[in-house]
Amino acid sequence: MVTQPLWTGPAVALVNLFDHDGAVEAKRTADHAARLVAAGIRGVVVNGSTGEAAALTDAERVELVAAVRQACPAVPVIAGASGEWWRPAADRAAAAVRAGADAVLVAPPRLGGSLTGYYGRVSEAAAGVPVLAYHYPPVAGGPVPVDALSGLGVAGIKDSSADPARLGHELGLGGPLAVYTGASALLGYASWLGAAGAIVAAANLVPEECLAAWDRDAAAQHAVLRAERESKALPGGLKQALAARYGTSPVRRLGG
């Protein structure tokens, strides 16, 4: 358990880029991450839901973590390492740490089971590197009950539920738990309430606005929401919007 957050403020839930044949573009993904860090983004989460982690091999996961780590030496790199049971989650956590991850983000197993045992084994495999729980059912595994958090031995939580009451409950637990919102609609609110930071997909597209929204700029918060709405209206969503802004590949493995 750490006593200080690994980072504060907005981090990006990074897209992973694929070429026209669907192969991983690790270098271009890392270059995109570096561009966002240069804009002020405080951390990079690789191989999460936004990165289409469910469609990646374990070797591709490692390649992407290593590439982003090399491209972004000045900020924490956090690797998604969820699994359907503790063994793949633990193996992915250990591999991510060897590849240079500063922390791992792990959703509970989709089919349930003992959360204490699951996170205990993942933490053991992570060998002292912080483990963040991930609450985003049913998109990423099962739920993380707020009342169970203090007994899991995790360093923090990413809560993508967009439930402001739940966020307040998590922050009310006190202690060293670092709470990160995964909901771009709650950037300013989470900052005001005292959250450690945020991990949001919108930071791929509008990093400066995400930073300003975290600093409670209402106009920036509206700009983030508008960018999200507009990208969701596109065929291919976020990746099409990124292609239009940055010239990156719009290819998806999931939903493509």
C-alpha atoms as a PDB file:
ATOM      1  CA  MET A   1       0.000   0.000   0.000  1.00  0.00           C
ATOM      2  CA  VAL A   2       1.347   3.418  -0.935  1.00  0.00           C
ATOM      3  CA  THR A   3       0.654   6.525   1.109  1.00  0.00           C
ATOM      4  CA  GLN A   4       0.771   9.058  -1.742  1.00  0.00           C
ATOM      5  CA  PRO A   5      -0.993   8.892  -5.112  1.00  0.00           C
ATOM      6  CA  LEU A   6       1.224   7.822  -7.987  1.00  0.00           C
ATOM      7  CA  TRP A   7      -0.005  10.893  -9.849  1.00  0.00           C
ATOM      8  CA  THR A   8      -2.603  13.617  -9.466  1.00  0.00           C
ATOM      9  CA  GLY A   9      -4.880  15.172 -12.094  1.00  0.00           C
ATOM     10  CA  PRO A  10      -5.917  13.784 -15.484  1.00  0.00           C
ATOM     11  CA  ALA A  11      -4.341  10.707 -17.036  1.00  0.00           C
ATOM     12  CA  VAL A  12      -5.319   9.281 -20.398  1.00  0.00           C
ATOM     13  CA  ALA A  13      -7.053   5.962 -20.978  1.00  0.00           C
ATOM     14  CA  LEU A  14      -4.957   5.390 -24.079  1.00  0.00           C
ATOM     15  CA  VAL A  15      -6.210   4.053 -27.395  1.00  0.00           C
ATOM     16  CA  ASN A  16      -4.073   1.360 -28.985  1.00  0.00           C
ATOM     17  CA  LEU A  17      -3.475   1.909 -32.680  1.00  0.00           C
ATOM     18  CA  PHE A  18      -3.664  -0.812 -35.353  1.00  0.00           C
ATOM     19  CA  ASP A  19      -2.592  -0.754 -38.994  1.00  0.00           C
ATOM     20  CA  HIS A  20      -4.891  -1.499 -41.944  1.00  0.00           C
ATOM     21  CA  ASP A  21      -4.357  -5.248 -41.402  1.00  0.00           C
ATOM     22  CA  GLY A  22      -5.222  -4.968 -37.712  1.00  0.00           C
ATOM     23  CA  ALA A  23      -1.650  -5.379 -36.457  1.00  0.00           C
ATOM     24  CA  VAL A  24      -0.544  -3.445 -33.379  1.00  0.00           C
ATOM     25  CA  GLU A  25       1.223  -0.152 -34.113  1.00  0.00           C
ATOM     26  CA  ALA A  26       3.217   0.048 -30.888  1.00  0.00           C
ATOM     27  CA  LYS A  27       5.491   2.890 -32.004  1.00  0.00           C
ATOM     28  CA  ARG A  28       2.609   5.053 -33.243  1.00  0.00           C
ATOM     29  CA  THR A  29       0.650   4.312 -30.072  1.00  0.00           C
ATOM     30  CA  ALA A  30       3.636   5.409 -28.001  1.00  0.00           C
ATOM     31  CA  ASP A  31       4.078   8.534 -30.117  1.00  0.00           C
ATOM     32  CA  HIS A  32       0.430   9.424 -29.501  1.00  0.00           C
ATOM     33  CA  ALA A  33       0.939   8.944 -25.756  1.00  0.00           C
ATOM     34  CA  ALA A  34       4.006  11.197 -25.841  1.00  0.00           C
ATOM     35  CA  ARG A  35       2.009  13.892 -27.656  1.00  0.00           C
ATOM     36  CA  LEU A  36      -0.590  13.836 -24.877  1.00  0.00           C
ATOM     37  CA  VAL A  37       2.064  13.998 -22.165  1.00  0.00           C
ATOM     38  CA  ALA A  38       3.617  16.983 -23.938  1.00  0.00           C
ATOM     39  CA  ALA A  39       0.181  18.639 -23.720  1.00  0.00           C
ATOM     40  CA  GLY A  40       0.271  18.183 -19.939  1.00  0.00           C
ATOM     41  CA  ILE A  41      -1.441  14.847 -19.305  1.00  0.00           C
ATOM     42  CA  ARG A  42      -0.146  13.429 -16.007  1.00  0.00           C
ATOM     43  CA  GLY A  43      -0.168   9.684 -16.624  1.00  0.00           C
ATOM     44  CA  VAL A  44      -0.836   7.031 -19.285  1.00  0.00           C
ATOM     45  CA  VAL A  45      -2.998   3.939 -18.855  1.00  0.00           C
ATOM     46  CA  VAL A  46      -2.141   1.327 -21.479  1.00  0.00           C
ATOM     47  CA  ASN A  47      -4.204  -1.762 -22.344  1.00  0.00           C
ATOM     48  CA  GLY A  48      -7.400  -0.705 -20.635  1.00  0.00           C
ATOM     49  CA  SER A  49     -10.927  -0.827 -22.017  1.00  0.00           C
ATOM     50  CA  THR A  50     -10.246   2.098 -24.376  1.00  0.00           C
ATOM     51  CA  GLY A  51      -7.180   0.251 -25.638  1.00  0.00           C
ATOM     52  CA  GLU A  52      -9.307  -2.749 -26.693  1.00  0.00           C
ATOM     53  CA  ALA A  53      -7.383  -4.921 -24.260  1.00  0.00           C
ATOM     54  CA  ALA A  54      -9.757  -7.836 -24.710  1.00  0.00           C
ATOM     55  CA  ALA A  55      -8.538  -8.145 -28.316  1.00  0.00           C
ATOM     56  CA  LEU A  56      -4.821  -8.159 -27.477  1.00  0.00           C
ATOM     57  CA  THR A  57      -2.474 -11.093 -27.010  1.00  0.00           C
ATOM     58  CA  ASP A  58      -0.341 -11.059 -23.900  1.00  0.00           C
ATOM     59  CA  ALA A  59       2.754 -10.505 -26.060  1.00  0.00           C
ATOM     60  CA  GLU A  60       1.110  -7.441 -27.654  1.00  0.00           C
ATOM     61  CA  ARG A  61       0.251  -6.093 -24.210  1.00  0.00           C
ATOM     62  CA  VAL A  62       3.905  -6.282 -23.189  1.00  0.00           C
ATOM     63  CA  GLU A  63       5.075  -4.683 -26.448  1.00  0.00           C
ATOM     64  CA  LEU A  64       2.708  -1.748 -25.960  1.00  0.00           C
ATOM     65  CA  VAL A  65       3.690  -1.168 -22.320  1.00  0.00           C
ATOM     66  CA  ALA A  66       7.381  -1.209 -23.196  1.00  0.00           C
ATOM     67  CA  ALA A  67       6.918   1.205 -26.107  1.00  0.00           C
ATOM     68  CA  VAL A  68       4.867   3.684 -24.089  1.00  0.00           C
ATOM     69  CA  ARG A  69       7.258   3.440 -21.162  1.00  0.00           C
ATOM     70  CA  GLN A  70      10.164   4.373 -23.435  1.00  0.00           C
ATOM     71  CA  ALA A  71       8.263   7.230 -25.064  1.00  0.00           C
ATOM     72  CA  CYS A  72       6.922   8.697 -21.806  1.00  0.00           C
ATOM     73  CA  PRO A  73       9.722   8.584 -19.226  1.00  0.00           C
ATOM     74  CA  ALA A  74       8.484  11.564 -17.210  1.00  0.00           C
ATOM     75  CA  VAL A  75       5.035  10.281 -16.169  1.00  0.00           C
ATOM     76  CA  PRO A  76       3.638   7.102 -14.608  1.00  0.00           C
ATOM     77  CA  VAL A  77       2.637   4.330 -16.988  1.00  0.00           C
ATOM     78  CA  ILE A  78      -0.173   2.143 -15.698  1.00  0.00           C
ATOM     79  CA  ALA A  79      -0.959  -1.160 -17.406  1.00  0.00           C
ATOM     80  CA  GLY A  80      -4.320  -2.857 -17.609  1.00  0.00           C
ATOM     81  CA  ALA A  81      -3.919  -6.405 -16.333  1.00  0.00           C
ATOM     82  CA  SER A  82      -7.416  -7.790 -15.804  1.00  0.00           C
ATOM     83  CA  GLY A  83      -8.260 -11.471 -16.164  1.00  0.00           C
ATOM     84  CA  GLU A  84     -11.158 -13.897 -15.894  1.00  0.00           C
ATOM     85  CA  TRP A  85      -9.530 -15.404 -12.809  1.00  0.00           C
ATOM     86  CA  TRP A  86      -6.486 -14.645 -10.695  1.00  0.00           C
ATOM     87  CA  ARG A  87      -3.865 -16.554 -12.718  1.00  0.00           C
ATOM     88  CA  PRO A  88      -4.063 -14.570 -15.996  1.00  0.00           C
ATOM     89  CA  ALA A  89      -4.421 -11.327 -14.041  1.00  0.00           C
ATOM     90  CA  ALA A  90      -1.354 -12.131 -11.954  1.00  0.00           C
ATOM     91  CA  ASP A  91       0.651 -13.213 -15.003  1.00  0.00           C
ATOM     92  CA  ARG A  92      -0.297 -10.029 -16.878  1.00  0.00           C
ATOM     93  CA  ALA A  93       0.552  -7.875 -13.878  1.00  0.00           C
ATOM     94  CA  ALA A  94       3.989  -9.464 -13.528  1.00  0.00           C
ATOM     95  CA  ALA A  95       4.690  -9.123 -17.265  1.00  0.00           C
ATOM     96  CA  ALA A  96       3.610  -5.465 -17.257  1.00  0.00           C
ATOM     97  CA  VAL A  97       5.910  -4.682 -14.346  1.00  0.00           C
ATOM     98  CA  ARG A  98       8.832  -6.354 -16.131  1.00  0.00           C
ATOM     99  CA  ALA A  99       8.029  -4.217 -19.200  1.00  0.00           C
ATOM    100  CA  GLY A 100       8.270  -1.039 -17.135  1.00  0.00           C
ATOM    101  CA  ALA A 101       4.788  -0.332 -15.771  1.00  0.00           C
ATOM    102  CA  ASP A 102       4.652   1.796 -12.632  1.00  0.00           C
ATOM    103  CA  ALA A 103       1.276   0.357 -11.591  1.00  0.00           C
ATOM    104  CA  VAL A 104      -1.362  -2.068 -12.817  1.00  0.00           C
ATOM    105  CA  LEU A 105      -5.107  -1.552 -13.223  1.00  0.00           C
ATOM    106  CA  VAL A 106      -7.160  -4.667 -12.577  1.00  0.00           C
ATOM    107  CA  ALA A 107     -10.914  -5.277 -12.748  1.00  0.00           C
ATOM    108  CA  PRO A 108     -12.457  -8.082 -10.694  1.00  0.00           C
ATOM    109  CA  PRO A 109     -13.164 -11.374 -12.456  1.00  0.00           C
ATOM    110  CA  ARG A 110     -16.424 -11.241 -14.371  1.00  0.00           C
ATOM    111  CA  LEU A 111     -17.793 -14.411 -12.769  1.00  0.00           C
ATOM    112  CA  GLY A 112     -17.132 -13.358  -9.193  1.00  0.00           C
ATOM    113  CA  GLY A 113     -15.228 -15.102  -6.435  1.00  0.00           C
ATOM    114  CA  SER A 114     -13.214 -13.855  -3.486  1.00  0.00           C
ATOM    115  CA  LEU A 115     -11.999 -10.344  -4.235  1.00  0.00           C
ATOM    116  CA  THR A 116      -9.570 -10.450  -1.322  1.00  0.00           C
ATOM    117  CA  GLY A 117      -7.868 -13.573  -2.645  1.00  0.00           C
ATOM    118  CA  TYR A 118      -7.904 -12.313  -6.226  1.00  0.00           C
ATOM    119  CA  TYR A 119      -6.331  -8.945  -5.474  1.00  0.00           C
ATOM    120  CA  GLY A 120      -3.963 -10.526  -2.969  1.00  0.00           C
ATOM    121  CA  ARG A 121      -2.501 -12.807  -5.634  1.00  0.00           C
ATOM    122  CA  VAL A 122      -2.295  -9.972  -8.179  1.00  0.00           C
ATOM    123  CA  SER A 123      -0.531  -7.757  -5.640  1.00  0.00           C
ATOM    124  CA  GLU A 124       1.933 -10.550  -4.894  1.00  0.00           C
ATOM    125  CA  ALA A 125       2.677 -10.942  -8.599  1.00  0.00           C
ATOM    126  CA  ALA A 126       3.112  -7.173  -8.995  1.00  0.00           C
ATOM    127  CA  ALA A 127       5.975  -7.374  -6.481  1.00  0.00           C
ATOM    128  CA  GLY A 128       5.412  -4.097  -4.670  1.00  0.00           C
ATOM    129  CA  VAL A 129       4.158  -2.098  -7.641  1.00  0.00           C
ATOM    130  CA  PRO A 130       0.805  -0.421  -6.849  1.00  0.00           C
ATOM    131  CA  VAL A 131      -2.371  -2.206  -7.872  1.00  0.00           C
ATOM    132  CA  LEU A 132      -5.440  -0.134  -8.725  1.00  0.00           C
ATOM    133  CA  ALA A 133      -8.876  -1.747  -8.703  1.00  0.00           C
ATOM    134  CA  TYR A 134     -11.121  -0.999 -11.672  1.00  0.00           C
ATOM    135  CA  HIS A 135     -14.870  -0.578 -11.250  1.00  0.00           C
ATOM    136  CA  TYR A 136     -16.674  -0.576 -14.594  1.00  0.00           C
ATOM    137  CA  PRO A 137     -19.209  -3.396 -14.737  1.00  0.00           C
ATOM    138  CA  PRO A 138     -20.274  -4.885 -17.060  1.00  0.00           C
ATOM    139  CA  VAL A 139     -17.691  -3.458 -19.502  1.00  0.00           C
ATOM    140  CA  ALA A 140     -14.643  -4.621 -17.530  1.00  0.00           C
ATOM    141  CA  GLY A 141     -15.219  -7.531 -15.192  1.00  0.00           C
ATOM    142  CA  GLY A 142     -17.375  -7.483 -12.109  1.00  0.00           C
ATOM    143  CA  PRO A 143     -18.132  -4.802  -9.522  1.00  0.00           C
ATOM    144  CA  VAL A 144     -15.861  -3.504  -6.775  1.00  0.00           C
ATOM    145  CA  PRO A 145     -18.145  -2.864  -3.774  1.00  0.00           C
ATOM    146  CA  VAL A 146     -17.158   0.324  -1.982  1.00  0.00           C
ATOM    147  CA  ASP A 147     -17.436  -1.336   1.410  1.00  0.00           C
ATOM    148  CA  ALA A 148     -14.919  -4.006   0.319  1.00  0.00           C
ATOM    149  CA  LEU A 149     -12.258  -1.560  -0.865  1.00  0.00           C
ATOM    150  CA  SER A 150     -10.414  -1.063   2.397  1.00  0.00           C
ATOM    151  CA  GLY A 151      -9.845  -4.809   2.737  1.00  0.00           C
ATOM    152  CA  LEU A 152      -8.428  -5.477  -0.735  1.00  0.00           C
ATOM    153  CA  GLY A 153      -4.913  -4.138  -0.181  1.00  0.00           C
ATOM    154  CA  VAL A 154      -5.068  -2.019  -3.328  1.00  0.00           C
ATOM    155  CA  ALA A 155      -3.462   1.401  -3.663  1.00  0.00           C
ATOM    156  CA  GLY A 156      -6.437   2.997  -5.360  1.00  0.00           C
ATOM    157  CA  ILE A 157      -9.432   2.641  -7.622  1.00  0.00           C
ATOM    158  CA  LYS A 158     -10.535   3.826 -11.037  1.00  0.00           C
ATOM    159  CA  ASP A 159     -14.290   4.261 -10.884  1.00  0.00           C
ATOM    160  CA  SER A 160     -15.882   4.573 -14.325  1.00  0.00           C
ATOM    161  CA  SER A 161     -19.455   4.265 -13.087  1.00  0.00           C
ATOM    162  CA  ALA A 162     -20.106   8.035 -13.501  1.00  0.00           C
ATOM    163  CA  ASP A 163     -22.045   7.814 -10.222  1.00  0.00           C
ATOM    164  CA  PRO A 164     -21.261  10.961  -8.203  1.00  0.00           C
ATOM    165  CA  ALA A 165     -22.750   9.498  -5.018  1.00  0.00           C
ATOM    166  CA  ARG A 166     -20.516   6.429  -5.270  1.00  0.00           C
ATOM    167  CA  LEU A 167     -17.497   8.651  -5.917  1.00  0.00           C
ATOM    168  CA  GLY A 168     -18.303  10.605  -2.776  1.00  0.00           C
ATOM    169  CA  HIS A 169     -18.648   7.362  -0.810  1.00  0.00           C
ATOM    170  CA  GLU A 170     -15.196   6.206  -1.981  1.00  0.00           C
ATOM    171  CA  LEU A 171     -13.628   9.511  -1.050  1.00  0.00           C
ATOM    172  CA  GLY A 172     -15.314   9.357   2.330  1.00  0.00           C
ATOM    173  CA  LEU A 173     -13.439   6.157   3.209  1.00  0.00           C
ATOM    174  CA  GLY A 174     -10.352   8.223   4.004  1.00  0.00           C
ATOM    175  CA  GLY A 175      -6.934   6.666   4.450  1.00  0.00           C
ATOM    176  CA  PRO A 176      -4.345   6.241   1.703  1.00  0.00           C
ATOM    177  CA  LEU A 177      -6.698   5.001  -1.033  1.00  0.00           C
ATOM    178  CA  ALA A 178      -6.230   7.043  -4.248  1.00  0.00           C
ATOM    179  CA  VAL A 179      -9.557   7.577  -6.018  1.00  0.00           C
ATOM    180  CA  TYR A 180      -9.595   8.273  -9.764  1.00  0.00           C
ATOM    181  CA  THR A 181     -12.738   8.959 -11.755  1.00  0.00           C
ATOM    182  CA  GLY A 182     -13.043   7.349 -15.151  1.00  0.00           C
ATOM    183  CA  ALA A 183     -15.935   9.586 -16.134  1.00  0.00           C
ATOM    184  CA  SER A 184     -15.046  12.673 -18.143  1.00  0.00           C
ATOM    185  CA  ALA A 185     -18.368  14.262 -17.118  1.00  0.00           C
ATOM    186  CA  LEU A 186     -17.112  14.348 -13.519  1.00  0.00           C
ATOM    187  CA  LEU A 187     -13.680  15.927 -14.033  1.00  0.00           C
ATOM    188  CA  GLY A 188     -14.401  19.221 -12.297  1.00  0.00           C
ATOM    189  CA  TYR A 189     -16.628  17.593  -9.686  1.00  0.00           C
ATOM    190  CA  ALA A 190     -14.016  14.965  -8.803  1.00  0.00           C
ATOM    191  CA  SER A 191     -11.351  17.640  -8.451  1.00  0.00           C
ATOM    192  CA  TRP A 192     -13.613  19.753  -6.245  1.00  0.00           C
ATOM    193  CA  LEU A 193     -14.478  16.750  -4.083  1.00  0.00           C
ATOM    194  CA  GLY A 194     -10.811  15.884  -3.531  1.00  0.00           C
ATOM    195  CA  ALA A 195     -10.184  12.918  -5.825  1.00  0.00           C
ATOM    196  CA  ALA A 196      -6.566  12.138  -6.659  1.00  0.00           C
ATOM    197  CA  GLY A 197      -7.203  12.413 -10.378  1.00  0.00           C
ATOM    198  CA  ALA A 198      -8.918  11.001 -13.422  1.00  0.00           C
ATOM    199  CA  ILE A 199      -8.316   8.402 -16.132  1.00  0.00           C
ATOM    200  CA  VAL A 200     -10.385   9.343 -19.162  1.00  0.00           C
ATOM    201  CA  ALA A 201     -10.611   8.375 -22.825  1.00  0.00           C
ATOM    202  CA  ALA A 202     -11.477  11.965 -23.790  1.00  0.00           C
ATOM    203  CA  ALA A 203      -7.887  12.953 -23.005  1.00  0.00           C
ATOM    204  CA  ASN A 204      -6.857  11.182 -26.232  1.00  0.00           C
ATOM    205  CA  LEU A 205      -8.763  13.809 -28.184  1.00  0.00           C
ATOM    206  CA  VAL A 206      -8.931  16.975 -26.052  1.00  0.00           C
ATOM    207  CA  PRO A 207      -6.101  16.766 -23.505  1.00  0.00           C
ATOM    208  CA  GLU A 208      -5.876  20.501 -22.836  1.00  0.00           C
ATOM    209  CA  GLU A 209      -9.609  20.745 -22.182  1.00  0.00           C
ATOM    210  CA  CYS A 210      -9.466  17.781 -19.788  1.00  0.00           C
ATOM    211  CA  LEU A 211      -6.725  19.499 -17.817  1.00  0.00           C
ATOM    212  CA  ALA A 212      -8.687  22.751 -17.670  1.00  0.00           C
ATOM    213  CA  ALA A 213     -11.881  20.936 -16.678  1.00  0.00           C
ATOM    214  CA  TRP A 214      -9.969  19.295 -13.817  1.00  0.00           C
ATOM    215  CA  ASP A 215      -9.053  22.807 -12.723  1.00  0.00           C
ATOM    216  CA  ARG A 216     -12.819  23.489 -12.609  1.00  0.00           C
ATOM    217  CA  ASP A 217     -13.107  25.519 -15.776  1.00  0.00           C
ATOM    218  CA  ALA A 218     -16.799  25.108 -16.654  1.00  0.00           C
ATOM    219  CA  ALA A 219     -16.314  26.034 -20.317  1.00  0.00           C
ATOM    220  CA  ALA A 220     -13.618  23.374 -20.644  1.00  0.00           C
ATOM    221  CA  GLN A 221     -15.847  20.783 -18.978  1.00  0.00           C
ATOM    222  CA  HIS A 222     -18.550  21.528 -21.540  1.00  0.00           C
ATOM    223  CA  ALA A 223     -15.963  21.274 -24.334  1.00  0.00           C
ATOM    224  CA  VAL A 224     -14.949  17.812 -23.106  1.00  0.00           C
ATOM    225  CA  LEU A 225     -18.553  16.675 -23.031  1.00  0.00           C
ATOM    226  CA  ARG A 226     -19.169  18.086 -26.503  1.00  0.00           C
ATOM    227  CA  ALA A 227     -16.105  16.309 -27.908  1.00  0.00           C
ATOM    228  CA  GLU A 228     -17.312  13.044 -26.398  1.00  0.00           C
ATOM    229  CA  ARG A 229     -20.806  13.434 -27.823  1.00  0.00           C
ATOM    230  CA  GLU A 230     -19.502  14.286 -31.269  1.00  0.00           C
ATOM    231  CA  SER A 231     -17.052  11.382 -31.373  1.00  0.00           C
ATOM    232  CA  LYS A 232     -19.728   8.913 -30.262  1.00  0.00           C
ATOM    233  CA  ALA A 233     -21.911  10.093 -33.136  1.00  0.00           C
ATOM    234  CA  LEU A 234     -19.243   9.067 -35.679  1.00  0.00           C
ATOM    235  CA  PRO A 235     -18.909   5.626 -37.231  1.00  0.00           C
ATOM    236  CA  GLY A 236     -15.913   4.266 -35.354  1.00  0.00           C
ATOM    237  CA  GLY A 237     -16.306   6.876 -32.641  1.00  0.00           C
ATOM    238  CA  LEU A 238     -13.168   8.008 -30.859  1.00  0.00           C
ATOM    239  CA  LYS A 239     -10.726   6.541 -33.367  1.00  0.00           C
ATOM    240  CA  GLN A 240     -12.372   8.343 -36.267  1.00  0.00           C
ATOM    241  CA  ALA A 241     -12.213  11.610 -34.330  1.00  0.00           C
ATOM    242  CA  LEU A 242      -8.546  10.988 -33.550  1.00  0.00           C
ATOM    243  CA  ALA A 243      -7.844  10.219 -37.209  1.00  0.00           C
ATOM    244  CA  ALA A 244      -9.397  13.538 -38.186  1.00  0.00           C
ATOM    245  CA  ARG A 245      -7.387  15.496 -35.612  1.00  0.00           C
ATOM    246  CA  TYR A 246      -4.039  13.688 -35.555  1.00  0.00           C
ATOM    247  CA  GLY A 247      -3.949  11.521 -38.682  1.00  0.00           C
ATOM    248  CA  THR A 248      -3.769   8.305 -36.663  1.00  0.00           C
ATOM    249  CA  SER A 249      -5.200   4.987 -37.817  1.00  0.00           C
ATOM    250  CA  PRO A 250      -8.975   4.575 -37.329  1.00  0.00           C
ATOM    251  CA  VAL A 251      -8.762   0.761 -37.413  1.00  0.00           C
ATOM    252  CA  ARG A 252     -10.413  -1.099 -34.553  1.00  0.00           C
ATOM    253  CA  ARG A 253     -10.341  -4.745 -33.581  1.00  0.00           C
ATOM    254  CA  LEU A 254     -13.457  -4.543 -31.420  1.00  0.00           C
ATOM    255  CA  GLY A 255     -16.657  -3.290 -32.992  1.00  0.00           C
ATOM    256  CA  GLY A 256     -14.917  -2.700 -36.292  1.00  0.00           C
END
